[in-house]
Amino acid sequence: MSNSVVKSSGSRMSSAEFDVECYLCNSTVVEYFEEKYNGMRGMCINCKTNFPLE
């Protein structure tokens, strides 16, 4: 099983070696590269909050 998932928006998500908690709900945040913004972003797996990491 792979640590990355391809989203339909053209981005890749990975939770491997990334230890950040959501500031809204304290759940796990996954890191992914968003082609639209050409940079790293984070998304909470619980509340789906999306924010830049760079």
N, C-alpha and C. Protein backbone atom coordinates (compact mmCIF):
# COMPACT_ATOMS: atom_id res chain seq x y z
N MET A 1 0.83 -1.18 0.00
CA MET A 1 0.00 0.00 0.00
C MET A 1 0.88 1.24 0.00
N SER A 2 0.58 2.19 -0.84
CA SER A 2 1.38 3.39 -1.00
C SER A 2 1.02 4.45 0.03
N ASN A 3 2.00 5.33 0.35
CA ASN A 3 1.75 6.43 1.27
C ASN A 3 1.16 7.65 0.58
N SER A 4 1.03 7.62 -0.74
CA SER A 4 0.49 8.79 -1.43
C SER A 4 -0.79 8.42 -2.16
N VAL A 5 -1.63 9.40 -2.33
CA VAL A 5 -2.91 9.23 -3.00
C VAL A 5 -3.02 10.31 -4.06
N VAL A 6 -3.46 9.95 -5.24
CA VAL A 6 -3.64 10.94 -6.29
C VAL A 6 -5.06 11.45 -6.20
N LYS A 7 -5.20 12.76 -6.01
CA LYS A 7 -6.52 13.38 -5.97
C LYS A 7 -6.93 13.78 -7.38
N SER A 8 -8.21 13.93 -7.60
CA SER A 8 -8.70 14.27 -8.93
C SER A 8 -8.25 15.66 -9.38
N SER A 9 -7.86 16.53 -8.45
CA SER A 9 -7.43 17.88 -8.81
C SER A 9 -5.99 17.93 -9.31
N GLY A 10 -5.32 16.79 -9.38
CA GLY A 10 -3.95 16.77 -9.88
C GLY A 10 -2.92 16.98 -8.79
N SER A 11 -3.25 16.65 -7.56
CA SER A 11 -2.30 16.80 -6.47
C SER A 11 -2.05 15.45 -5.83
N ARG A 12 -0.96 15.36 -5.07
CA ARG A 12 -0.62 14.12 -4.38
C ARG A 12 -0.57 14.37 -2.89
N MET A 13 -1.18 13.46 -2.12
CA MET A 13 -1.21 13.61 -0.67
C MET A 13 -0.36 12.52 -0.03
N SER A 14 0.27 12.83 1.08
CA SER A 14 1.07 11.87 1.81
C SER A 14 1.07 12.22 3.28
N SER A 15 0.92 11.19 4.13
CA SER A 15 0.98 11.42 5.57
C SER A 15 2.28 10.88 6.16
N ALA A 16 3.16 10.38 5.31
CA ALA A 16 4.41 9.79 5.77
C ALA A 16 5.35 10.85 6.32
N GLU A 17 5.87 10.65 7.53
CA GLU A 17 6.88 11.53 8.13
C GLU A 17 6.44 12.99 8.20
N PHE A 18 5.17 13.23 8.46
CA PHE A 18 4.64 14.59 8.56
C PHE A 18 3.78 14.64 9.80
N ASP A 19 4.22 15.39 10.82
CA ASP A 19 3.55 15.37 12.12
C ASP A 19 3.04 16.76 12.49
N VAL A 20 1.90 17.13 11.90
CA VAL A 20 1.27 18.42 12.19
C VAL A 20 -0.18 18.15 12.54
N GLU A 21 -0.69 18.89 13.54
CA GLU A 21 -2.09 18.77 13.92
C GLU A 21 -2.86 19.99 13.46
N CYS A 22 -4.12 19.80 13.12
CA CYS A 22 -5.00 20.88 12.70
C CYS A 22 -5.22 21.85 13.86
N TYR A 23 -5.12 23.14 13.59
CA TYR A 23 -5.31 24.14 14.64
C TYR A 23 -6.79 24.33 14.99
N LEU A 24 -7.70 23.79 14.19
CA LEU A 24 -9.12 23.90 14.48
C LEU A 24 -9.67 22.72 15.27
N CYS A 25 -9.23 21.49 14.91
CA CYS A 25 -9.82 20.31 15.56
C CYS A 25 -8.78 19.34 16.13
N ASN A 26 -7.49 19.66 16.01
CA ASN A 26 -6.40 18.84 16.55
C ASN A 26 -6.30 17.45 15.94
N SER A 27 -6.82 17.27 14.73
CA SER A 27 -6.70 16.00 14.03
C SER A 27 -5.45 16.00 13.16
N THR A 28 -5.15 14.85 12.57
CA THR A 28 -3.97 14.70 11.72
C THR A 28 -4.11 15.53 10.45
N VAL A 29 -3.00 16.16 10.05
CA VAL A 29 -2.94 16.91 8.81
C VAL A 29 -2.03 16.16 7.85
N VAL A 30 -2.47 16.00 6.61
CA VAL A 30 -1.64 15.36 5.59
C VAL A 30 -1.05 16.44 4.70
N GLU A 31 0.16 16.20 4.23
CA GLU A 31 0.88 17.12 3.37
C GLU A 31 0.70 16.66 1.93
N TYR A 32 0.52 17.62 1.01
CA TYR A 32 0.42 17.27 -0.40
C TYR A 32 0.93 18.41 -1.27
N PHE A 33 1.31 18.07 -2.50
CA PHE A 33 1.75 19.07 -3.47
C PHE A 33 0.57 19.43 -4.35
N GLU A 34 0.25 20.70 -4.41
CA GLU A 34 -0.87 21.18 -5.24
C GLU A 34 -0.31 21.84 -6.49
N GLU A 35 -0.58 21.25 -7.63
CA GLU A 35 -0.08 21.79 -8.90
C GLU A 35 -0.63 23.18 -9.18
N LYS A 36 -1.87 23.44 -8.80
CA LYS A 36 -2.50 24.74 -9.04
C LYS A 36 -1.70 25.87 -8.40
N TYR A 37 -1.18 25.65 -7.19
CA TYR A 37 -0.40 26.66 -6.47
C TYR A 37 1.10 26.44 -6.59
N ASN A 38 1.49 25.32 -7.21
CA ASN A 38 2.89 24.94 -7.36
C ASN A 38 3.63 24.96 -6.02
N GLY A 39 3.00 24.32 -5.03
CA GLY A 39 3.62 24.30 -3.71
C GLY A 39 2.96 23.30 -2.78
N MET A 40 3.57 23.17 -1.61
CA MET A 40 3.09 22.24 -0.61
C MET A 40 1.92 22.84 0.16
N ARG A 41 0.94 21.98 0.48
CA ARG A 41 -0.21 22.39 1.25
C ARG A 41 -0.50 21.31 2.29
N GLY A 42 -1.34 21.64 3.24
CA GLY A 42 -1.76 20.68 4.25
C GLY A 42 -3.27 20.61 4.27
N MET A 43 -3.81 19.41 4.56
CA MET A 43 -5.26 19.25 4.67
C MET A 43 -5.57 18.37 5.87
N CYS A 44 -6.48 18.83 6.70
CA CYS A 44 -6.92 18.06 7.86
C CYS A 44 -7.78 16.90 7.39
N ILE A 45 -7.52 15.71 7.91
CA ILE A 45 -8.30 14.55 7.48
C ILE A 45 -9.68 14.52 8.14
N ASN A 46 -9.89 15.33 9.16
CA ASN A 46 -11.18 15.36 9.86
C ASN A 46 -12.09 16.48 9.34
N CYS A 47 -11.65 17.73 9.47
CA CYS A 47 -12.51 18.87 9.11
C CYS A 47 -12.25 19.39 7.70
N LYS A 48 -11.27 18.83 6.99
CA LYS A 48 -10.94 19.17 5.60
C LYS A 48 -10.43 20.59 5.42
N THR A 49 -9.93 21.23 6.49
CA THR A 49 -9.32 22.55 6.37
C THR A 49 -8.07 22.43 5.51
N ASN A 50 -7.91 23.35 4.57
CA ASN A 50 -6.80 23.33 3.63
C ASN A 50 -6.00 24.62 3.81
N PHE A 51 -4.66 24.51 3.91
CA PHE A 51 -3.84 25.69 4.13
C PHE A 51 -2.45 25.49 3.55
N PRO A 52 -1.74 26.59 3.20
CA PRO A 52 -0.38 26.49 2.65
C PRO A 52 0.63 26.10 3.71
N LEU A 53 1.67 25.40 3.31
CA LEU A 53 2.74 25.01 4.23
C LEU A 53 4.03 25.75 3.94
N GLU A 54 4.13 26.43 2.83
CA GLU A 54 5.36 27.12 2.45
C GLU A 54 5.23 28.60 2.66
